[in-house]
Amino acid sequence: MLYQIRHVTRFAYAEPVAFARNNLRLKPILWSGQHVEDYALIIEPQGRVFPTRAEAGLANVVRLVVEQPARTLTIESRARVRVDRPIPIFAPSDPGVAEIAEWARASRDTSPAGPAAYLFPSPRIALDREIAEWCAAELDPRRGVLEAALALALRIQREFAFDPTATLVDTAPVEAFRKRGGVCQDFAQIMISGLRAAGLPAAYVSGYIRTLPPPGQPRLVGADATHAWVLVWAGPALGWVGVDPTNGIWMAGDHIVVAIGRDYADVAPIDGIVLGWGAQEMHVSVDVEPLEQVAA
């Protein structure tokens, strides 16, 4: 599947901003099952743009510096991405939850994609007893890791309500868990907390899902915005496998990976500082258009 992605973020300031410095994580990364064929970044007003290092996780990070007074700032990201990612199929031979946890503890891979970086609590995802006990019902140590991960995602989809008014971007996972509601960020962070509590490496994914579904299929929750889901490490042979607890599905042909980290703080599409005063408003629009279909 070939997708055309347009992601526009517009800031409007009550008073002119004299200076802005932002980190942009908008260009999809090179990851298994996807390839970026074209990319463009359009900034208005123009500023200085240069690449910088990802502090944690896997991301294409660009630093934007705007040094002229501005009442608005528009950041538009355009990408053409080809996705060819099969749906995972679990089998009786899959390693179990306990086996994966043992392998992860023994791993000496310290690369950004190594399991060790995603085993422990991170700044926005604590290990919480309530979440751990609730998730443990699906994470029996003898259960195959893929079967267990999908079962947990499906349980989150069934028992939690998608409610954009229930949480904020900095809401702790345990608060969303107790409310039994939130958005894709909350569901991903709850699942990650439970997986890590069981000893499974789990990463936070920021990206997109297609806006319009194929004919006859339901629209996925989280379209028209950036989306978030989970990667679980399933051992050396299977590697990282994606699962989407908001929709109760695997990461497959409808998902485009932009950045991977320990939690949202590592992969926020835009963060930074501005020098000014007064209120500001932010409007975000995302469109993910399939340019061609994969033959059935």
C-alpha atoms as a PDB file:
ATOM      1  CA  MET A   1       0.000   0.000   0.000  1.00  0.00           C
ATOM      2  CA  LEU A   2       1.260   3.465  -0.933  1.00  0.00           C
ATOM      3  CA  TYR A   3       0.090   6.348   1.252  1.00  0.00           C
ATOM      4  CA  GLN A   4       0.211  10.109   0.869  1.00  0.00           C
ATOM      5  CA  ILE A   5       0.307  11.769   4.312  1.00  0.00           C
ATOM      6  CA  ARG A   6      -0.340  15.443   5.049  1.00  0.00           C
ATOM      7  CA  HIS A   7       0.080  16.623   8.642  1.00  0.00           C
ATOM      8  CA  VAL A   8      -0.509  20.330   9.310  1.00  0.00           C
ATOM      9  CA  THR A   9       0.008  22.034  12.678  1.00  0.00           C
ATOM     10  CA  ARG A  10      -0.915  25.697  13.024  1.00  0.00           C
ATOM     11  CA  PHE A  11      -0.138  27.851  16.055  1.00  0.00           C
ATOM     12  CA  ALA A  12      -1.920  31.189  16.507  1.00  0.00           C
ATOM     13  CA  TYR A  13      -0.570  33.609  19.108  1.00  0.00           C
ATOM     14  CA  ALA A  14      -2.479  36.446  20.777  1.00  0.00           C
ATOM     15  CA  GLU A  15       0.651  38.600  20.635  1.00  0.00           C
ATOM     16  CA  PRO A  16       3.644  38.369  18.311  1.00  0.00           C
ATOM     17  CA  VAL A  17       6.194  35.751  19.361  1.00  0.00           C
ATOM     18  CA  ALA A  18       9.753  37.010  19.084  1.00  0.00           C
ATOM     19  CA  PHE A  19      11.510  33.641  19.023  1.00  0.00           C
ATOM     20  CA  ALA A  20      10.551  29.966  18.705  1.00  0.00           C
ATOM     21  CA  ARG A  21      12.644  26.823  18.905  1.00  0.00           C
ATOM     22  CA  ASN A  22      10.939  23.514  18.219  1.00  0.00           C
ATOM     23  CA  ASN A  23      11.905  19.878  17.844  1.00  0.00           C
ATOM     24  CA  LEU A  24       9.972  18.212  15.031  1.00  0.00           C
ATOM     25  CA  ARG A  25       9.479  14.434  14.870  1.00  0.00           C
ATOM     26  CA  LEU A  26       7.323  14.273  11.779  1.00  0.00           C
ATOM     27  CA  LYS A  27       9.212  12.297   9.139  1.00  0.00           C
ATOM     28  CA  PRO A  28       8.417   8.558   9.322  1.00  0.00           C
ATOM     29  CA  ILE A  29      11.411   6.421  10.245  1.00  0.00           C
ATOM     30  CA  LEU A  30      12.858   3.504   8.339  1.00  0.00           C
ATOM     31  CA  TRP A  31      11.222   0.487   9.988  1.00  0.00           C
ATOM     32  CA  SER A  32      10.343  -3.060   9.099  1.00  0.00           C
ATOM     33  CA  GLY A  33       7.514  -3.152   6.573  1.00  0.00           C
ATOM     34  CA  GLN A  34       7.669   0.476   5.446  1.00  0.00           C
ATOM     35  CA  HIS A  35       9.743   2.711   3.189  1.00  0.00           C
ATOM     36  CA  VAL A  36       9.618   6.502   2.804  1.00  0.00           C
ATOM     37  CA  GLU A  37       9.576   7.335  -0.911  1.00  0.00           C
ATOM     38  CA  ASP A  38       9.289  11.118  -0.620  1.00  0.00           C
ATOM     39  CA  TYR A  39       9.213  13.746   2.109  1.00  0.00           C
ATOM     40  CA  ALA A  40       8.811  17.523   2.361  1.00  0.00           C
ATOM     41  CA  LEU A  41       8.601  19.968   5.262  1.00  0.00           C
ATOM     42  CA  ILE A  42       7.007  23.385   4.707  1.00  0.00           C
ATOM     43  CA  ILE A  43       7.347  26.113   7.361  1.00  0.00           C
ATOM     44  CA  GLU A  44       5.609  29.520   7.395  1.00  0.00           C
ATOM     45  CA  PRO A  45       7.170  31.877   8.333  1.00  0.00           C
ATOM     46  CA  GLN A  46      10.452  30.389   7.232  1.00  0.00           C
ATOM     47  CA  GLY A  47      13.039  29.556   9.843  1.00  0.00           C
ATOM     48  CA  ARG A  48      16.337  27.735  10.178  1.00  0.00           C
ATOM     49  CA  VAL A  49      15.938  23.967  10.001  1.00  0.00           C
ATOM     50  CA  PHE A  50      18.656  21.431  10.769  1.00  0.00           C
ATOM     51  CA  PRO A  51      18.796  17.804  11.898  1.00  0.00           C
ATOM     52  CA  THR A  52      19.558  16.945  15.500  1.00  0.00           C
ATOM     53  CA  ARG A  53      20.048  13.796  17.536  1.00  0.00           C
ATOM     54  CA  ALA A  54      17.176  11.814  19.020  1.00  0.00           C
ATOM     55  CA  GLU A  55      17.676  11.892  22.786  1.00  0.00           C
ATOM     56  CA  ALA A  56      15.972   8.520  23.265  1.00  0.00           C
ATOM     57  CA  GLY A  57      14.268   5.982  21.065  1.00  0.00           C
ATOM     58  CA  LEU A  58      14.033   6.023  17.286  1.00  0.00           C
ATOM     59  CA  ALA A  59      13.020   9.241  15.530  1.00  0.00           C
ATOM     60  CA  ASN A  60      13.979  11.608  12.727  1.00  0.00           C
ATOM     61  CA  VAL A  61      14.409  14.826  14.732  1.00  0.00           C
ATOM     62  CA  VAL A  62      14.628  18.249  13.082  1.00  0.00           C
ATOM     63  CA  ARG A  63      15.311  21.477  15.000  1.00  0.00           C
ATOM     64  CA  LEU A  64      13.322  24.513  13.829  1.00  0.00           C
ATOM     65  CA  VAL A  65      14.362  28.014  14.908  1.00  0.00           C
ATOM     66  CA  VAL A  66      12.179  31.022  14.009  1.00  0.00           C
ATOM     67  CA  GLU A  67      13.805  34.354  14.879  1.00  0.00           C
ATOM     68  CA  GLN A  68      11.390  36.831  13.327  1.00  0.00           C
ATOM     69  CA  PRO A  69       8.273  38.104  15.155  1.00  0.00           C
ATOM     70  CA  ALA A  70       5.204  36.086  14.167  1.00  0.00           C
ATOM     71  CA  ARG A  71       1.520  35.882  15.083  1.00  0.00           C
ATOM     72  CA  THR A  72       1.165  32.454  13.473  1.00  0.00           C
ATOM     73  CA  LEU A  73       3.404  29.466  12.821  1.00  0.00           C
ATOM     74  CA  THR A  74       2.382  26.759  10.357  1.00  0.00           C
ATOM     75  CA  ILE A  75       4.308  23.481  10.106  1.00  0.00           C
ATOM     76  CA  GLU A  76       3.274  21.163   7.272  1.00  0.00           C
ATOM     77  CA  SER A  77       4.733  17.679   6.845  1.00  0.00           C
ATOM     78  CA  ARG A  78       4.142  15.732   3.624  1.00  0.00           C
ATOM     79  CA  ALA A  79       5.250  12.145   3.157  1.00  0.00           C
ATOM     80  CA  ARG A  80       4.751   9.357   0.663  1.00  0.00           C
ATOM     81  CA  VAL A  81       5.224   6.014   2.399  1.00  0.00           C
ATOM     82  CA  ARG A  82       4.956   2.481   1.079  1.00  0.00           C
ATOM     83  CA  VAL A  83       3.756  -0.078   3.626  1.00  0.00           C
ATOM     84  CA  ASP A  84       4.024  -3.834   3.106  1.00  0.00           C
ATOM     85  CA  ARG A  85       3.548  -5.424   6.505  1.00  0.00           C
ATOM     86  CA  PRO A  86       1.798  -8.767   7.022  1.00  0.00           C
ATOM     87  CA  ILE A  87      -0.597  -9.412   9.877  1.00  0.00           C
ATOM     88  CA  PRO A  88       1.180 -11.431  12.598  1.00  0.00           C
ATOM     89  CA  ILE A  89      -0.120 -14.942  13.192  1.00  0.00           C
ATOM     90  CA  PHE A  90       0.571 -16.600  16.518  1.00  0.00           C
ATOM     91  CA  ALA A  91       1.432 -20.275  16.684  1.00  0.00           C
ATOM     92  CA  PRO A  92       1.875 -22.966  19.371  1.00  0.00           C
ATOM     93  CA  SER A  93       5.631 -22.711  18.865  1.00  0.00           C
ATOM     94  CA  ASP A  94       5.743 -19.018  19.863  1.00  0.00           C
ATOM     95  CA  PRO A  95       7.902 -18.319  22.921  1.00  0.00           C
ATOM     96  CA  GLY A  96       5.970 -17.765  26.127  1.00  0.00           C
ATOM     97  CA  VAL A  97       5.722 -14.626  28.226  1.00  0.00           C
ATOM     98  CA  ALA A  98       8.160 -15.950  30.862  1.00  0.00           C
ATOM     99  CA  GLU A  99      10.652 -17.034  28.191  1.00  0.00           C
ATOM    100  CA  ILE A 100      10.610 -13.590  26.559  1.00  0.00           C
ATOM    101  CA  ALA A 101      11.105 -11.928  29.944  1.00  0.00           C
ATOM    102  CA  GLU A 102      14.134 -14.138  30.608  1.00  0.00           C
ATOM    103  CA  TRP A 103      15.632 -13.420  27.183  1.00  0.00           C
ATOM    104  CA  ALA A 104      15.097  -9.685  27.647  1.00  0.00           C
ATOM    105  CA  ARG A 105      16.867  -9.659  31.005  1.00  0.00           C
ATOM    106  CA  ALA A 106      19.809 -11.498  29.467  1.00  0.00           C
ATOM    107  CA  SER A 107      20.029  -9.273  26.371  1.00  0.00           C
ATOM    108  CA  ARG A 108      23.173  -7.187  25.915  1.00  0.00           C
ATOM    109  CA  ASP A 109      21.799  -5.210  22.966  1.00  0.00           C
ATOM    110  CA  THR A 110      22.101  -1.540  23.939  1.00  0.00           C
ATOM    111  CA  SER A 111      21.087  -0.124  20.538  1.00  0.00           C
ATOM    112  CA  PRO A 112      18.016   2.138  20.260  1.00  0.00           C
ATOM    113  CA  ALA A 113      16.011  -0.900  19.103  1.00  0.00           C
ATOM    114  CA  GLY A 114      17.381  -3.247  21.766  1.00  0.00           C
ATOM    115  CA  PRO A 115      14.887  -4.649  24.304  1.00  0.00           C
ATOM    116  CA  ALA A 116      16.792  -3.417  27.369  1.00  0.00           C
ATOM    117  CA  ALA A 117      15.725   0.222  26.911  1.00  0.00           C
ATOM    118  CA  TYR A 118      12.038  -0.709  27.085  1.00  0.00           C
ATOM    119  CA  LEU A 119      11.969  -2.993  30.119  1.00  0.00           C
ATOM    120  CA  PHE A 120      11.815  -0.408  32.862  1.00  0.00           C
ATOM    121  CA  PRO A 121       9.642   2.510  34.006  1.00  0.00           C
ATOM    122  CA  SER A 122      10.054   5.680  31.956  1.00  0.00           C
ATOM    123  CA  PRO A 123       9.299   9.330  32.753  1.00  0.00           C
ATOM    124  CA  ARG A 124       5.626   9.089  31.771  1.00  0.00           C
ATOM    125  CA  ILE A 125       4.943   5.388  32.368  1.00  0.00           C
ATOM    126  CA  ALA A 126       5.306   4.096  35.899  1.00  0.00           C
ATOM    127  CA  LEU A 127       4.899   0.486  36.957  1.00  0.00           C
ATOM    128  CA  ASP A 128       1.578   0.574  38.830  1.00  0.00           C
ATOM    129  CA  ARG A 129       0.244  -2.302  40.922  1.00  0.00           C
ATOM    130  CA  GLU A 130      -3.393  -1.805  39.832  1.00  0.00           C
ATOM    131  CA  ILE A 131      -2.482  -1.871  36.161  1.00  0.00           C
ATOM    132  CA  ALA A 132      -0.071  -4.780  36.599  1.00  0.00           C
ATOM    133  CA  GLU A 133      -2.653  -6.964  38.358  1.00  0.00           C
ATOM    134  CA  TRP A 134      -5.354  -6.165  35.806  1.00  0.00           C
ATOM    135  CA  CYS A 135      -3.073  -6.913  32.830  1.00  0.00           C
ATOM    136  CA  ALA A 136      -1.675 -10.073  34.440  1.00  0.00           C
ATOM    137  CA  ALA A 137      -4.948 -11.890  33.700  1.00  0.00           C
ATOM    138  CA  GLU A 138      -3.938 -11.956  30.001  1.00  0.00           C
ATOM    139  CA  LEU A 139      -0.183 -12.316  30.543  1.00  0.00           C
ATOM    140  CA  ASP A 140       0.095 -15.818  31.955  1.00  0.00           C
ATOM    141  CA  PRO A 141       3.823 -16.693  31.974  1.00  0.00           C
ATOM    142  CA  ARG A 142       3.155 -19.882  29.950  1.00  0.00           C
ATOM    143  CA  ARG A 143       1.045 -18.168  27.296  1.00  0.00           C
ATOM    144  CA  GLY A 144       2.531 -17.465  23.875  1.00  0.00           C
ATOM    145  CA  VAL A 145       3.727 -13.870  23.749  1.00  0.00           C
ATOM    146  CA  LEU A 146       1.806 -12.926  20.593  1.00  0.00           C
ATOM    147  CA  GLU A 147      -1.422 -14.483  21.805  1.00  0.00           C
ATOM    148  CA  ALA A 148      -1.041 -12.735  25.166  1.00  0.00           C
ATOM    149  CA  ALA A 149      -0.294  -9.318  23.627  1.00  0.00           C
ATOM    150  CA  LEU A 150      -3.315  -9.413  21.324  1.00  0.00           C
ATOM    151  CA  ALA A 151      -5.573 -10.648  24.128  1.00  0.00           C
ATOM    152  CA  LEU A 152      -4.517  -7.714  26.305  1.00  0.00           C
ATOM    153  CA  ALA A 153      -5.095  -5.232  23.482  1.00  0.00           C
ATOM    154  CA  LEU A 154      -8.558  -6.658  22.841  1.00  0.00           C
ATOM    155  CA  ARG A 155      -9.434  -6.417  26.535  1.00  0.00           C
ATOM    156  CA  ILE A 156      -8.403  -2.755  26.627  1.00  0.00           C
ATOM    157  CA  GLN A 157     -10.510  -2.076  23.528  1.00  0.00           C
ATOM    158  CA  ARG A 158     -13.546  -3.782  25.085  1.00  0.00           C
ATOM    159  CA  GLU A 159     -13.382  -2.296  28.559  1.00  0.00           C
ATOM    160  CA  PHE A 160     -12.164   1.256  27.957  1.00  0.00           C
ATOM    161  CA  ALA A 161     -14.169   4.055  26.317  1.00  0.00           C
ATOM    162  CA  PHE A 162     -12.590   6.306  23.696  1.00  0.00           C
ATOM    163  CA  ASP A 163     -13.275   9.713  25.258  1.00  0.00           C
ATOM    164  CA  PRO A 164     -11.135  12.737  24.256  1.00  0.00           C
ATOM    165  CA  THR A 165     -12.576  14.729  27.186  1.00  0.00           C
ATOM    166  CA  ALA A 166     -11.444  12.222  29.836  1.00  0.00           C
ATOM    167  CA  THR A 167      -7.711  12.951  29.816  1.00  0.00           C
ATOM    168  CA  LEU A 168      -5.022  15.473  28.917  1.00  0.00           C
ATOM    169  CA  VAL A 169      -1.668  14.921  27.240  1.00  0.00           C
ATOM    170  CA  ASP A 170       0.053  14.695  30.644  1.00  0.00           C
ATOM    171  CA  THR A 171      -2.516  12.435  32.344  1.00  0.00           C
ATOM    172  CA  ALA A 172      -0.809   9.577  34.174  1.00  0.00           C
ATOM    173  CA  PRO A 173      -1.641   6.051  32.967  1.00  0.00           C
ATOM    174  CA  VAL A 174      -3.124   5.071  36.340  1.00  0.00           C
ATOM    175  CA  GLU A 175      -5.582   7.993  36.202  1.00  0.00           C
ATOM    176  CA  ALA A 176      -6.822   6.952  32.751  1.00  0.00           C
ATOM    177  CA  PHE A 177      -6.935   3.357  33.963  1.00  0.00           C
ATOM    178  CA  ARG A 178      -9.203   4.257  36.880  1.00  0.00           C
ATOM    179  CA  LYS A 179     -11.469   6.323  34.633  1.00  0.00           C
ATOM    180  CA  ARG A 180     -11.654   3.458  32.121  1.00  0.00           C
ATOM    181  CA  GLY A 181     -11.477   6.077  29.389  1.00  0.00           C
ATOM    182  CA  GLY A 182      -9.165   8.236  27.358  1.00  0.00           C
ATOM    183  CA  VAL A 183      -7.522   8.302  23.941  1.00  0.00           C
ATOM    184  CA  CYS A 184      -4.962   6.230  22.050  1.00  0.00           C
ATOM    185  CA  GLN A 185      -2.047   7.676  24.053  1.00  0.00           C
ATOM    186  CA  ASP A 186      -3.663   6.546  27.313  1.00  0.00           C
ATOM    187  CA  PHE A 187      -4.487   3.048  26.072  1.00  0.00           C
ATOM    188  CA  ALA A 188      -0.957   2.556  24.725  1.00  0.00           C
ATOM    189  CA  GLN A 189       0.632   3.714  27.981  1.00  0.00           C
ATOM    190  CA  ILE A 190      -1.641   1.506  30.111  1.00  0.00           C
ATOM    191  CA  MET A 191      -0.747  -1.507  27.985  1.00  0.00           C
ATOM    192  CA  ILE A 192       2.964  -0.686  28.109  1.00  0.00           C
ATOM    193  CA  SER A 193       2.854  -0.384  31.899  1.00  0.00           C
ATOM    194  CA  GLY A 194       1.250  -3.830  32.184  1.00  0.00           C
ATOM    195  CA  LEU A 195       3.632  -5.457  29.716  1.00  0.00           C
ATOM    196  CA  ARG A 196       6.711  -4.064  31.452  1.00  0.00           C
ATOM    197  CA  ALA A 197       5.381  -5.170  34.830  1.00  0.00           C
ATOM    198  CA  ALA A 198       5.291  -8.708  33.404  1.00  0.00           C
ATOM    199  CA  GLY A 199       8.921  -8.402  32.291  1.00  0.00           C
ATOM    200  CA  LEU A 200       8.153  -7.813  28.597  1.00  0.00           C
ATOM    201  CA  PRO A 201       9.945  -5.037  26.684  1.00  0.00           C
ATOM    202  CA  ALA A 202       7.303  -2.630  25.365  1.00  0.00           C
ATOM    203  CA  ALA A 203       7.754   0.548  23.331  1.00  0.00           C
ATOM    204  CA  TYR A 204       5.488   3.496  22.545  1.00  0.00           C
ATOM    205  CA  VAL A 205       4.810   4.180  18.853  1.00  0.00           C
ATOM    206  CA  SER A 206       3.709   7.499  17.383  1.00  0.00           C
ATOM    207  CA  GLY A 207       2.377   7.406  13.842  1.00  0.00           C
ATOM    208  CA  TYR A 208      -0.662   7.372  11.614  1.00  0.00           C
ATOM    209  CA  ILE A 209      -3.447   5.078  10.498  1.00  0.00           C
ATOM    210  CA  ARG A 210      -5.284   5.405   7.226  1.00  0.00           C
ATOM    211  CA  THR A 211      -8.092   7.951   7.259  1.00  0.00           C
ATOM    212  CA  LEU A 212     -10.633   6.080   5.153  1.00  0.00           C
ATOM    213  CA  PRO A 213     -11.114   2.296   5.499  1.00  0.00           C
ATOM    214  CA  PRO A 214     -11.350  -0.136   2.595  1.00  0.00           C
ATOM    215  CA  PRO A 215     -14.894  -0.674   1.270  1.00  0.00           C
ATOM    216  CA  GLY A 216     -17.046  -2.628   3.699  1.00  0.00           C
ATOM    217  CA  GLN A 217     -14.700  -2.211   6.678  1.00  0.00           C
ATOM    218  CA  PRO A 218     -15.254   0.009   9.742  1.00  0.00           C
ATOM    219  CA  ARG A 219     -13.344   3.249  10.193  1.00  0.00           C
ATOM    220  CA  LEU A 220     -10.434   2.885  12.625  1.00  0.00           C
ATOM    221  CA  VAL A 221     -10.478   4.957  15.798  1.00  0.00           C
ATOM    222  CA  GLY A 222      -7.700   7.528  15.798  1.00  0.00           C
ATOM    223  CA  ALA A 223      -7.836   8.565  12.142  1.00  0.00           C
ATOM    224  CA  ASP A 224      -7.563  12.295  11.316  1.00  0.00           C
ATOM    225  CA  ALA A 225      -4.884  12.730  13.993  1.00  0.00           C
ATOM    226  CA  THR A 226      -1.587  11.284  15.042  1.00  0.00           C
ATOM    227  CA  HIS A 227      -2.118   7.829  16.501  1.00  0.00           C
ATOM    228  CA  ALA A 228      -0.340   5.809  19.195  1.00  0.00           C
ATOM    229  CA  TRP A 229       0.070   2.096  19.766  1.00  0.00           C
ATOM    230  CA  VAL A 230       2.485  -0.447  21.230  1.00  0.00           C
ATOM    231  CA  LEU A 231       5.451  -2.542  20.157  1.00  0.00           C
ATOM    232  CA  VAL A 232       6.178  -5.664  22.173  1.00  0.00           C
ATOM    233  CA  TRP A 233       9.495  -7.491  21.833  1.00  0.00           C
ATOM    234  CA  ALA A 234       8.763 -11.125  20.993  1.00  0.00           C
ATOM    235  CA  GLY A 235      12.288 -12.529  21.028  1.00  0.00           C
ATOM    236  CA  PRO A 236      15.228 -12.656  18.598  1.00  0.00           C
ATOM    237  CA  ALA A 237      13.315 -14.520  15.886  1.00  0.00           C
ATOM    238  CA  LEU A 238      10.055 -12.534  15.875  1.00  0.00           C
ATOM    239  CA  GLY A 239      11.547  -9.203  16.910  1.00  0.00           C
ATOM    240  CA  TRP A 240       9.292  -6.220  17.586  1.00  0.00           C
ATOM    241  CA  VAL A 241       5.597  -6.798  16.868  1.00  0.00           C
ATOM    242  CA  GLY A 242       3.040  -3.977  16.876  1.00  0.00           C
ATOM    243  CA  VAL A 243      -0.411  -4.116  18.443  1.00  0.00           C
ATOM    244  CA  ASP A 244      -3.043  -1.367  18.593  1.00  0.00           C
ATOM    245  CA  PRO A 245      -5.109  -1.441  21.825  1.00  0.00           C
ATOM    246  CA  THR A 246      -7.372   1.402  20.699  1.00  0.00           C
ATOM    247  CA  ASN A 247      -8.699  -0.712  17.835  1.00  0.00           C
ATOM    248  CA  GLY A 248      -7.838  -4.198  19.111  1.00  0.00           C
ATOM    249  CA  ILE A 249      -5.772  -5.070  16.034  1.00  0.00           C
ATOM    250  CA  TRP A 250      -2.215  -5.810  14.971  1.00  0.00           C
ATOM    251  CA  MET A 251       0.004  -3.143  13.445  1.00  0.00           C
ATOM    252  CA  ALA A 252      -0.146  -4.078   9.791  1.00  0.00           C
ATOM    253  CA  GLY A 253      -0.883  -2.415   6.467  1.00  0.00           C
ATOM    254  CA  ASP A 254      -2.992   0.426   7.931  1.00  0.00           C
ATOM    255  CA  HIS A 255      -0.278   1.736  10.287  1.00  0.00           C
ATOM    256  CA  ILE A 256       2.626   4.078   9.470  1.00  0.00           C
ATOM    257  CA  VAL A 257       5.377   4.331  12.091  1.00  0.00           C
ATOM    258  CA  VAL A 258       6.773   7.836  12.635  1.00  0.00           C
ATOM    259  CA  ALA A 259       8.753   7.458  15.876  1.00  0.00           C
ATOM    260  CA  ILE A 260       9.394   4.885  18.609  1.00  0.00           C
ATOM    261  CA  GLY A 261      10.348   5.608  22.206  1.00  0.00           C
ATOM    262  CA  ARG A 262       9.851   4.716  25.847  1.00  0.00           C
ATOM    263  CA  ASP A 263       6.759   6.924  26.129  1.00  0.00           C
ATOM    264  CA  TYR A 264       5.134   9.998  24.590  1.00  0.00           C
ATOM    265  CA  ALA A 265       7.872  12.328  25.828  1.00  0.00           C
ATOM    266  CA  ASP A 266      10.385  10.631  23.504  1.00  0.00           C
ATOM    267  CA  VAL A 267       8.235  10.889  20.383  1.00  0.00           C
ATOM    268  CA  ALA A 268       6.009  13.987  20.646  1.00  0.00           C
ATOM    269  CA  PRO A 269       5.509  15.256  17.063  1.00  0.00           C
ATOM    270  CA  ILE A 270       6.344  18.845  18.091  1.00  0.00           C
ATOM    271  CA  ASP A 271       7.792  20.274  21.284  1.00  0.00           C
ATOM    272  CA  GLY A 272       9.930  23.245  22.205  1.00  0.00           C
ATOM    273  CA  ILE A 273       9.779  26.790  23.533  1.00  0.00           C
ATOM    274  CA  VAL A 274       8.503  30.194  22.432  1.00  0.00           C
ATOM    275  CA  LEU A 275       9.372  33.641  23.790  1.00  0.00           C
ATOM    276  CA  GLY A 276       6.305  35.810  24.085  1.00  0.00           C
ATOM    277  CA  TRP A 277       3.216  36.394  26.158  1.00  0.00           C
ATOM    278  CA  GLY A 278      -0.524  35.959  25.814  1.00  0.00           C
ATOM    279  CA  ALA A 279      -2.676  33.010  24.837  1.00  0.00           C
ATOM    280  CA  GLN A 280      -2.009  30.614  22.001  1.00  0.00           C
ATOM    281  CA  GLU A 281      -4.158  28.171  20.051  1.00  0.00           C
ATOM    282  CA  MET A 282      -3.060  25.050  18.193  1.00  0.00           C
ATOM    283  CA  HIS A 283      -4.935  23.310  15.403  1.00  0.00           C
ATOM    284  CA  VAL A 284      -3.812  19.981  13.940  1.00  0.00           C
ATOM    285  CA  SER A 285      -5.119  18.185  10.870  1.00  0.00           C
ATOM    286  CA  VAL A 286      -3.946  14.857   9.481  1.00  0.00           C
ATOM    287  CA  ASP A 287      -4.931  13.126   6.267  1.00  0.00           C
ATOM    288  CA  VAL A 288      -3.650   9.684   5.278  1.00  0.00           C
ATOM    289  CA  GLU A 289      -4.695   8.905   1.714  1.00  0.00           C
ATOM    290  CA  PRO A 290      -4.095   5.519   0.084  1.00  0.00           C
ATOM    291  CA  LEU A 291      -2.772   6.090  -3.438  1.00  0.00           C
ATOM    292  CA  GLU A 292      -3.011   2.457  -4.479  1.00  0.00           C
ATOM    293  CA  GLN A 293      -4.478  -0.750  -3.108  1.00  0.00           C
ATOM    294  CA  VAL A 294      -2.639  -3.994  -2.544  1.00  0.00           C
ATOM    295  CA  ALA A 295      -4.015  -6.698  -4.799  1.00  0.00           C
ATOM    296  CA  ALA A 296      -6.174  -9.223  -2.906  1.00  0.00           C
END
